[in-house]
Amino acid sequence: MVQIYNDYKDHADFLTVYVREAHPTDEWQMKSNVKDDVCYAQPKTLAQRVAIANDFIKRFHYPITFGIDDINNAANDAYSAWPERFYIIDESGRIAYRGGMGPFHYNPDEVRAWLAARYGAVKHDPAGTPPTAGPSATPPPTSSARGSS
């Protein structure tokens, strides 16, 4: 997601919303969480959820604006976001793209394709030169992307 953000941040606003912990130590801990040292209990207070989000942002140098769902999970309930999901909201506030629920139907390539159709594909040179955006063949209707993951 960070690469998509870097490629399209001049064209669209991005927002990550941290919802319920996907694999908390007190519910459904996974070996990969232990391996990656991201082991947290399910937060019971907003302060605990904020602390986990801040740890993530700092440890992984996460550049995308970060929102935090309230402890009653209003954003998660409204968008069926758990454990992960992409949305693109157009400039009129309507959902222009609703990605599948993760992890099995979480597809960043679909988000990239939508953004490329709207703003032009970003090509990466393997030699490491900066990406360039090309013209779009058939952009979607007058929507601008406001991504959420």
N, C-alpha and C. Protein backbone atom coordinates (compact mmCIF):
# COMPACT_ATOMS: atom_id res chain seq x y z
N MET A 1 0.82 -1.20 0.00
CA MET A 1 0.00 0.00 0.00
C MET A 1 0.86 1.26 0.00
N VAL A 2 1.99 1.18 0.66
CA VAL A 2 2.86 2.36 0.74
C VAL A 2 3.34 2.76 -0.66
N GLN A 3 3.65 1.78 -1.51
CA GLN A 3 4.09 2.12 -2.87
C GLN A 3 2.97 2.79 -3.65
N ILE A 4 1.74 2.29 -3.50
CA ILE A 4 0.60 2.92 -4.17
C ILE A 4 0.44 4.35 -3.67
N TYR A 5 0.55 4.52 -2.37
CA TYR A 5 0.47 5.86 -1.78
C TYR A 5 1.54 6.78 -2.38
N ASN A 6 2.78 6.30 -2.41
CA ASN A 6 3.86 7.12 -2.96
C ASN A 6 3.62 7.48 -4.42
N ASP A 7 3.03 6.56 -5.17
CA ASP A 7 2.79 6.80 -6.59
C ASP A 7 1.65 7.78 -6.84
N TYR A 8 0.64 7.81 -5.96
CA TYR A 8 -0.56 8.60 -6.24
C TYR A 8 -0.89 9.67 -5.20
N LYS A 9 0.00 9.91 -4.25
CA LYS A 9 -0.30 10.87 -3.19
C LYS A 9 -0.50 12.30 -3.69
N ASP A 10 0.01 12.61 -4.87
CA ASP A 10 -0.19 13.95 -5.43
C ASP A 10 -1.54 14.08 -6.12
N HIS A 11 -2.25 12.97 -6.27
CA HIS A 11 -3.55 12.97 -6.95
C HIS A 11 -4.71 12.64 -6.03
N ALA A 12 -4.45 11.92 -4.95
CA ALA A 12 -5.53 11.42 -4.09
C ALA A 12 -5.11 11.52 -2.63
N ASP A 13 -6.10 11.62 -1.77
CA ASP A 13 -5.86 11.58 -0.33
C ASP A 13 -5.96 10.13 0.13
N PHE A 14 -5.10 9.73 1.04
CA PHE A 14 -5.10 8.37 1.55
C PHE A 14 -5.30 8.42 3.06
N LEU A 15 -5.98 7.42 3.57
CA LEU A 15 -6.22 7.30 5.00
C LEU A 15 -6.25 5.83 5.37
N THR A 16 -5.48 5.45 6.36
CA THR A 16 -5.56 4.12 6.94
C THR A 16 -6.32 4.26 8.25
N VAL A 17 -7.28 3.38 8.47
CA VAL A 17 -8.03 3.40 9.73
C VAL A 17 -7.74 2.10 10.47
N TYR A 18 -7.19 2.26 11.66
CA TYR A 18 -6.90 1.09 12.50
C TYR A 18 -8.18 0.70 13.22
N VAL A 19 -8.64 -0.53 12.94
CA VAL A 19 -9.83 -1.06 13.59
C VAL A 19 -9.38 -2.14 14.58
N ARG A 20 -10.27 -3.02 14.97
CA ARG A 20 -9.94 -4.08 15.92
C ARG A 20 -8.64 -4.79 15.53
N GLU A 21 -7.90 -5.20 16.53
CA GLU A 21 -6.67 -5.97 16.30
C GLU A 21 -7.05 -7.30 15.65
N ALA A 22 -6.38 -7.65 14.55
CA ALA A 22 -6.75 -8.84 13.79
C ALA A 22 -6.36 -10.14 14.49
N HIS A 23 -5.19 -10.16 15.10
CA HIS A 23 -4.69 -11.39 15.72
C HIS A 23 -4.12 -11.10 17.11
N PRO A 24 -4.97 -10.71 18.03
CA PRO A 24 -4.48 -10.35 19.36
C PRO A 24 -4.01 -11.58 20.14
N THR A 25 -3.11 -11.32 21.06
CA THR A 25 -2.56 -12.41 21.88
C THR A 25 -3.63 -13.07 22.74
N ASP A 26 -4.68 -12.36 23.09
CA ASP A 26 -5.72 -12.92 23.95
C ASP A 26 -6.91 -13.48 23.18
N GLU A 27 -6.79 -13.57 21.84
CA GLU A 27 -7.89 -14.13 21.04
C GLU A 27 -7.37 -15.16 20.04
N TRP A 28 -6.76 -14.70 18.95
CA TRP A 28 -6.33 -15.59 17.88
C TRP A 28 -4.92 -15.22 17.44
N GLN A 29 -3.96 -15.50 18.29
CA GLN A 29 -2.56 -15.19 18.03
C GLN A 29 -2.03 -16.06 16.89
N MET A 30 -1.24 -15.48 16.01
CA MET A 30 -0.64 -16.23 14.92
C MET A 30 0.87 -16.26 15.07
N LYS A 31 1.49 -17.32 14.57
CA LYS A 31 2.95 -17.45 14.64
C LYS A 31 3.65 -16.30 13.93
N SER A 32 3.05 -15.83 12.84
CA SER A 32 3.68 -14.73 12.10
C SER A 32 3.76 -13.46 12.94
N ASN A 33 2.80 -13.25 13.85
CA ASN A 33 2.87 -12.09 14.73
C ASN A 33 4.05 -12.19 15.68
N VAL A 34 4.30 -13.39 16.17
CA VAL A 34 5.44 -13.60 17.06
C VAL A 34 6.73 -13.38 16.28
N LYS A 35 6.81 -13.97 15.08
CA LYS A 35 8.00 -13.82 14.25
C LYS A 35 8.28 -12.35 13.94
N ASP A 36 7.23 -11.58 13.65
CA ASP A 36 7.38 -10.16 13.30
C ASP A 36 7.36 -9.24 14.52
N ASP A 37 7.22 -9.82 15.71
CA ASP A 37 7.19 -9.07 16.97
C ASP A 37 6.11 -8.00 16.97
N VAL A 38 4.91 -8.40 16.56
CA VAL A 38 3.75 -7.52 16.63
C VAL A 38 2.66 -8.24 17.43
N CYS A 39 2.90 -8.36 18.70
CA CYS A 39 2.02 -9.10 19.59
C CYS A 39 1.35 -8.15 20.57
N TYR A 40 0.03 -8.02 20.44
CA TYR A 40 -0.75 -7.13 21.29
C TYR A 40 -2.01 -7.84 21.73
N ALA A 41 -2.45 -7.54 22.93
CA ALA A 41 -3.78 -7.97 23.37
C ALA A 41 -4.81 -7.08 22.68
N GLN A 42 -6.03 -7.58 22.57
CA GLN A 42 -7.11 -6.76 21.99
C GLN A 42 -7.31 -5.54 22.88
N PRO A 43 -7.18 -4.33 22.34
CA PRO A 43 -7.35 -3.13 23.17
C PRO A 43 -8.75 -3.06 23.78
N LYS A 44 -8.80 -2.67 25.02
CA LYS A 44 -10.08 -2.52 25.73
C LYS A 44 -10.46 -1.04 25.88
N THR A 45 -9.50 -0.16 25.63
CA THR A 45 -9.75 1.28 25.73
C THR A 45 -9.20 1.97 24.48
N LEU A 46 -9.70 3.16 24.23
CA LEU A 46 -9.20 3.93 23.10
C LEU A 46 -7.72 4.26 23.30
N ALA A 47 -7.31 4.54 24.52
CA ALA A 47 -5.89 4.85 24.78
C ALA A 47 -5.00 3.66 24.41
N GLN A 48 -5.44 2.45 24.69
CA GLN A 48 -4.66 1.27 24.30
C GLN A 48 -4.60 1.13 22.78
N ARG A 49 -5.71 1.39 22.12
CA ARG A 49 -5.73 1.30 20.65
C ARG A 49 -4.81 2.36 20.04
N VAL A 50 -4.82 3.55 20.59
CA VAL A 50 -3.95 4.62 20.11
C VAL A 50 -2.48 4.23 20.32
N ALA A 51 -2.15 3.64 21.46
CA ALA A 51 -0.77 3.24 21.74
C ALA A 51 -0.29 2.20 20.73
N ILE A 52 -1.13 1.24 20.38
CA ILE A 52 -0.75 0.22 19.40
C ILE A 52 -0.56 0.87 18.03
N ALA A 53 -1.46 1.74 17.65
CA ALA A 53 -1.35 2.43 16.36
C ALA A 53 -0.06 3.26 16.30
N ASN A 54 0.24 3.98 17.36
CA ASN A 54 1.47 4.78 17.39
C ASN A 54 2.71 3.91 17.29
N ASP A 55 2.69 2.75 17.95
CA ASP A 55 3.81 1.83 17.87
C ASP A 55 4.00 1.37 16.43
N PHE A 56 2.92 1.01 15.77
CA PHE A 56 2.99 0.58 14.37
C PHE A 56 3.60 1.67 13.48
N ILE A 57 3.07 2.88 13.60
CA ILE A 57 3.54 4.00 12.78
C ILE A 57 5.04 4.24 12.98
N LYS A 58 5.48 4.21 14.23
CA LYS A 58 6.89 4.48 14.52
C LYS A 58 7.79 3.33 14.07
N ARG A 59 7.41 2.10 14.39
CA ARG A 59 8.27 0.96 14.07
C ARG A 59 8.41 0.72 12.58
N PHE A 60 7.34 0.95 11.85
CA PHE A 60 7.36 0.66 10.42
C PHE A 60 7.47 1.91 9.56
N HIS A 61 7.68 3.08 10.21
CA HIS A 61 7.84 4.36 9.49
C HIS A 61 6.71 4.52 8.47
N TYR A 62 5.50 4.31 8.92
CA TYR A 62 4.32 4.31 8.06
C TYR A 62 3.96 5.74 7.67
N PRO A 63 4.00 6.07 6.36
CA PRO A 63 3.83 7.46 5.95
C PRO A 63 2.39 7.91 5.71
N ILE A 64 1.44 6.98 5.68
CA ILE A 64 0.06 7.31 5.32
C ILE A 64 -0.68 7.83 6.55
N THR A 65 -1.50 8.86 6.35
CA THR A 65 -2.31 9.40 7.44
C THR A 65 -3.06 8.26 8.10
N PHE A 66 -3.09 8.29 9.42
CA PHE A 66 -3.62 7.18 10.20
C PHE A 66 -4.78 7.65 11.05
N GLY A 67 -5.91 7.01 10.90
CA GLY A 67 -7.06 7.25 11.76
C GLY A 67 -7.25 6.05 12.66
N ILE A 68 -7.94 6.24 13.74
CA ILE A 68 -8.15 5.15 14.70
C ILE A 68 -9.63 5.06 15.00
N ASP A 69 -10.18 3.87 14.77
CA ASP A 69 -11.59 3.63 15.05
C ASP A 69 -11.83 3.79 16.55
N ASP A 70 -13.03 4.26 16.90
CA ASP A 70 -13.33 4.36 18.33
C ASP A 70 -13.46 2.96 18.91
N ILE A 71 -13.45 2.86 20.21
CA ILE A 71 -13.42 1.57 20.88
C ILE A 71 -14.73 0.81 20.68
N ASN A 72 -15.78 1.50 20.25
CA ASN A 72 -17.05 0.83 19.93
C ASN A 72 -17.07 0.31 18.50
N ASN A 73 -16.00 0.52 17.76
CA ASN A 73 -15.81 -0.02 16.41
C ASN A 73 -16.80 0.51 15.38
N ALA A 74 -17.14 1.78 15.46
CA ALA A 74 -18.12 2.38 14.54
C ALA A 74 -17.66 2.31 13.08
N ALA A 75 -16.40 2.62 12.80
CA ALA A 75 -15.90 2.58 11.41
C ALA A 75 -15.88 1.14 10.90
N ASN A 76 -15.42 0.24 11.74
CA ASN A 76 -15.41 -1.16 11.35
C ASN A 76 -16.82 -1.66 11.04
N ASP A 77 -17.76 -1.32 11.89
CA ASP A 77 -19.14 -1.76 11.67
C ASP A 77 -19.74 -1.14 10.41
N ALA A 78 -19.44 0.13 10.15
CA ALA A 78 -19.99 0.81 8.99
C ALA A 78 -19.39 0.31 7.68
N TYR A 79 -18.11 -0.07 7.70
CA TYR A 79 -17.42 -0.43 6.46
C TYR A 79 -17.01 -1.89 6.38
N SER A 80 -17.38 -2.69 7.37
CA SER A 80 -16.97 -4.11 7.39
C SER A 80 -15.48 -4.22 7.09
N ALA A 81 -14.70 -3.50 7.85
CA ALA A 81 -13.28 -3.34 7.55
C ALA A 81 -12.37 -4.42 8.13
N TRP A 82 -12.82 -5.15 9.10
CA TRP A 82 -11.95 -6.13 9.77
C TRP A 82 -11.81 -7.38 8.94
N PRO A 83 -10.64 -7.98 8.77
CA PRO A 83 -9.37 -7.52 9.32
C PRO A 83 -8.68 -6.46 8.46
N GLU A 84 -9.03 -6.40 7.15
CA GLU A 84 -8.46 -5.36 6.30
C GLU A 84 -9.32 -5.23 5.05
N ARG A 85 -9.39 -4.00 4.54
CA ARG A 85 -10.22 -3.76 3.36
C ARG A 85 -9.88 -2.40 2.78
N PHE A 86 -9.98 -2.30 1.45
CA PHE A 86 -9.76 -1.03 0.75
C PHE A 86 -11.09 -0.43 0.32
N TYR A 87 -11.16 0.90 0.41
CA TYR A 87 -12.27 1.66 -0.15
C TYR A 87 -11.69 2.86 -0.88
N ILE A 88 -12.37 3.27 -1.94
CA ILE A 88 -12.08 4.54 -2.59
C ILE A 88 -13.38 5.33 -2.53
N ILE A 89 -13.29 6.52 -1.96
CA ILE A 89 -14.43 7.40 -1.81
C ILE A 89 -14.26 8.55 -2.80
N ASP A 90 -15.27 8.80 -3.62
CA ASP A 90 -15.14 9.88 -4.60
C ASP A 90 -15.38 11.24 -3.95
N GLU A 91 -15.23 12.31 -4.75
CA GLU A 91 -15.33 13.66 -4.21
C GLU A 91 -16.72 14.02 -3.72
N SER A 92 -17.73 13.24 -4.09
CA SER A 92 -19.07 13.50 -3.58
C SER A 92 -19.37 12.67 -2.33
N GLY A 93 -18.37 11.92 -1.87
CA GLY A 93 -18.55 11.14 -0.65
C GLY A 93 -19.13 9.75 -0.88
N ARG A 94 -19.24 9.34 -2.12
CA ARG A 94 -19.78 8.01 -2.44
C ARG A 94 -18.66 6.99 -2.58
N ILE A 95 -18.99 5.77 -2.27
CA ILE A 95 -18.01 4.69 -2.44
C ILE A 95 -17.87 4.40 -3.93
N ALA A 96 -16.67 4.63 -4.47
CA ALA A 96 -16.39 4.37 -5.87
C ALA A 96 -15.78 2.99 -6.06
N TYR A 97 -15.14 2.49 -5.04
CA TYR A 97 -14.54 1.15 -5.08
C TYR A 97 -14.63 0.56 -3.68
N ARG A 98 -15.10 -0.68 -3.60
CA ARG A 98 -15.15 -1.42 -2.34
C ARG A 98 -14.39 -2.71 -2.57
N GLY A 99 -13.24 -2.82 -1.94
CA GLY A 99 -12.44 -4.03 -2.10
C GLY A 99 -13.02 -5.19 -1.31
N GLY A 100 -12.51 -6.35 -1.62
CA GLY A 100 -12.92 -7.55 -0.90
C GLY A 100 -12.34 -7.56 0.50
N MET A 101 -12.94 -8.35 1.36
CA MET A 101 -12.46 -8.45 2.73
C MET A 101 -11.18 -9.28 2.77
N GLY A 102 -10.22 -8.79 3.54
CA GLY A 102 -8.96 -9.49 3.69
C GLY A 102 -9.09 -10.65 4.64
N PRO A 103 -8.12 -11.50 4.65
CA PRO A 103 -6.91 -11.41 3.83
C PRO A 103 -7.05 -12.03 2.44
N PHE A 104 -8.07 -12.82 2.21
CA PHE A 104 -8.14 -13.58 0.96
C PHE A 104 -8.63 -12.77 -0.24
N HIS A 105 -9.39 -11.72 0.01
CA HIS A 105 -9.92 -10.92 -1.10
C HIS A 105 -9.42 -9.47 -1.04
N TYR A 106 -8.34 -9.27 -0.35
CA TYR A 106 -7.67 -7.97 -0.19
C TYR A 106 -6.73 -7.83 -1.37
N ASN A 107 -7.00 -6.90 -2.29
CA ASN A 107 -6.25 -6.86 -3.53
C ASN A 107 -5.76 -5.45 -3.86
N PRO A 108 -4.55 -5.10 -3.41
CA PRO A 108 -4.00 -3.78 -3.72
C PRO A 108 -3.90 -3.51 -5.22
N ASP A 109 -3.74 -4.57 -6.04
CA ASP A 109 -3.64 -4.36 -7.49
C ASP A 109 -4.92 -3.76 -8.06
N GLU A 110 -6.09 -4.08 -7.48
CA GLU A 110 -7.34 -3.48 -7.93
C GLU A 110 -7.37 -1.99 -7.62
N VAL A 111 -6.84 -1.61 -6.47
CA VAL A 111 -6.78 -0.19 -6.11
C VAL A 111 -5.84 0.54 -7.07
N ARG A 112 -4.69 -0.06 -7.33
CA ARG A 112 -3.75 0.54 -8.28
C ARG A 112 -4.39 0.69 -9.65
N ALA A 113 -5.13 -0.32 -10.11
CA ALA A 113 -5.77 -0.25 -11.42
C ALA A 113 -6.81 0.87 -11.47
N TRP A 114 -7.57 1.05 -10.40
CA TRP A 114 -8.57 2.12 -10.36
C TRP A 114 -7.87 3.48 -10.44
N LEU A 115 -6.84 3.64 -9.63
CA LEU A 115 -6.10 4.90 -9.63
C LEU A 115 -5.43 5.14 -10.98
N ALA A 116 -4.89 4.10 -11.58
CA ALA A 116 -4.25 4.23 -12.89
C ALA A 116 -5.26 4.63 -13.96
N ALA A 117 -6.45 4.06 -13.89
CA ALA A 117 -7.49 4.43 -14.86
C ALA A 117 -7.91 5.88 -14.69
N ARG A 118 -7.88 6.37 -13.48
CA ARG A 118 -8.30 7.74 -13.18
C ARG A 118 -7.19 8.76 -13.45
N TYR A 119 -5.96 8.41 -13.03
CA TYR A 119 -4.86 9.39 -13.05
C TYR A 119 -3.70 9.02 -13.98
N GLY A 120 -3.75 7.86 -14.56
CA GLY A 120 -2.65 7.40 -15.41
C GLY A 120 -1.77 6.42 -14.65
N ALA A 121 -1.28 5.46 -15.39
CA ALA A 121 -0.42 4.44 -14.78
C ALA A 121 0.92 5.05 -14.40
N VAL A 122 1.47 4.57 -13.31
CA VAL A 122 2.79 4.98 -12.88
C VAL A 122 3.75 3.87 -13.25
N LYS A 123 4.76 4.23 -14.00
CA LYS A 123 5.74 3.25 -14.45
C LYS A 123 7.01 3.40 -13.61
N HIS A 124 7.52 2.27 -13.19
CA HIS A 124 8.75 2.26 -12.39
C HIS A 124 9.89 1.72 -13.24
N ASP A 125 10.97 2.48 -13.27
CA ASP A 125 12.15 2.04 -13.99
C ASP A 125 12.94 1.13 -13.06
N PRO A 126 13.29 -0.06 -13.52
CA PRO A 126 14.05 -0.97 -12.65
C PRO A 126 15.39 -0.39 -12.20
N ALA A 127 15.93 0.59 -12.93
CA ALA A 127 17.21 1.19 -12.55
C ALA A 127 17.07 2.13 -11.37
N GLY A 128 15.83 2.41 -10.94
CA GLY A 128 15.65 3.24 -9.76
C GLY A 128 15.38 4.70 -10.03
N THR A 129 15.10 5.07 -11.27
CA THR A 129 14.75 6.46 -11.53
C THR A 129 13.34 6.73 -11.03
N PRO A 130 12.99 7.97 -10.79
CA PRO A 130 11.66 8.28 -10.25
C PRO A 130 10.55 7.79 -11.18
N PRO A 131 9.39 7.41 -10.59
CA PRO A 131 8.27 6.96 -11.41
C PRO A 131 7.70 8.09 -12.24
N THR A 132 7.05 7.72 -13.35
CA THR A 132 6.38 8.70 -14.19
C THR A 132 4.94 8.25 -14.39
N ALA A 133 4.05 9.20 -14.51
CA ALA A 133 2.65 8.88 -14.76
C ALA A 133 2.35 9.09 -16.22
N GLY A 134 1.66 8.12 -16.80
CA GLY A 134 1.27 8.23 -18.20
C GLY A 134 -0.21 8.55 -18.30
N PRO A 135 -0.68 8.88 -19.51
CA PRO A 135 -2.09 9.20 -19.67
C PRO A 135 -2.96 7.96 -19.49
N SER A 136 -4.18 8.20 -19.11
CA SER A 136 -5.14 7.13 -18.89
C SER A 136 -5.93 6.89 -20.16
N ALA A 137 -6.17 5.62 -20.48
CA ALA A 137 -6.95 5.29 -21.66
C ALA A 137 -8.43 5.61 -21.45
N THR A 138 -9.02 5.08 -20.41
CA THR A 138 -10.43 5.33 -20.13
C THR A 138 -10.63 5.52 -18.64
N PRO A 139 -10.59 6.75 -18.17
CA PRO A 139 -10.75 6.97 -16.74
C PRO A 139 -12.18 6.72 -16.31
N PRO A 140 -12.36 6.34 -15.03
CA PRO A 140 -13.71 6.21 -14.50
C PRO A 140 -14.40 7.58 -14.51
N PRO A 141 -15.71 7.61 -14.28
CA PRO A 141 -16.42 8.89 -14.23
C PRO A 141 -15.78 9.84 -13.23
N THR A 142 -16.02 11.07 -13.32
CA THR A 142 -15.40 12.13 -12.55
C THR A 142 -15.35 11.84 -11.06
N SER A 143 -14.47 10.97 -10.67
CA SER A 143 -14.27 10.62 -9.27
C SER A 143 -12.84 10.90 -8.91
N SER A 144 -12.62 11.33 -7.70
CA SER A 144 -11.26 11.41 -7.21
C SER A 144 -11.16 10.39 -6.10
N ALA A 145 -10.00 9.85 -5.91
CA ALA A 145 -9.84 8.77 -4.95
C ALA A 145 -9.53 9.33 -3.58
N ARG A 146 -10.19 8.78 -2.64
CA ARG A 146 -9.86 9.02 -1.25
C ARG A 146 -9.78 7.64 -0.68
N GLY A 147 -8.59 7.12 -0.54
CA GLY A 147 -8.43 5.72 -0.19
C GLY A 147 -8.47 5.48 1.30
N SER A 148 -8.90 4.32 1.66
CA SER A 148 -8.91 3.85 3.04
C SER A 148 -8.53 2.41 3.02
N SER A 149 -7.62 2.03 3.88
CA SER A 149 -7.27 0.64 3.96
C SER A 149 -7.24 0.16 5.37
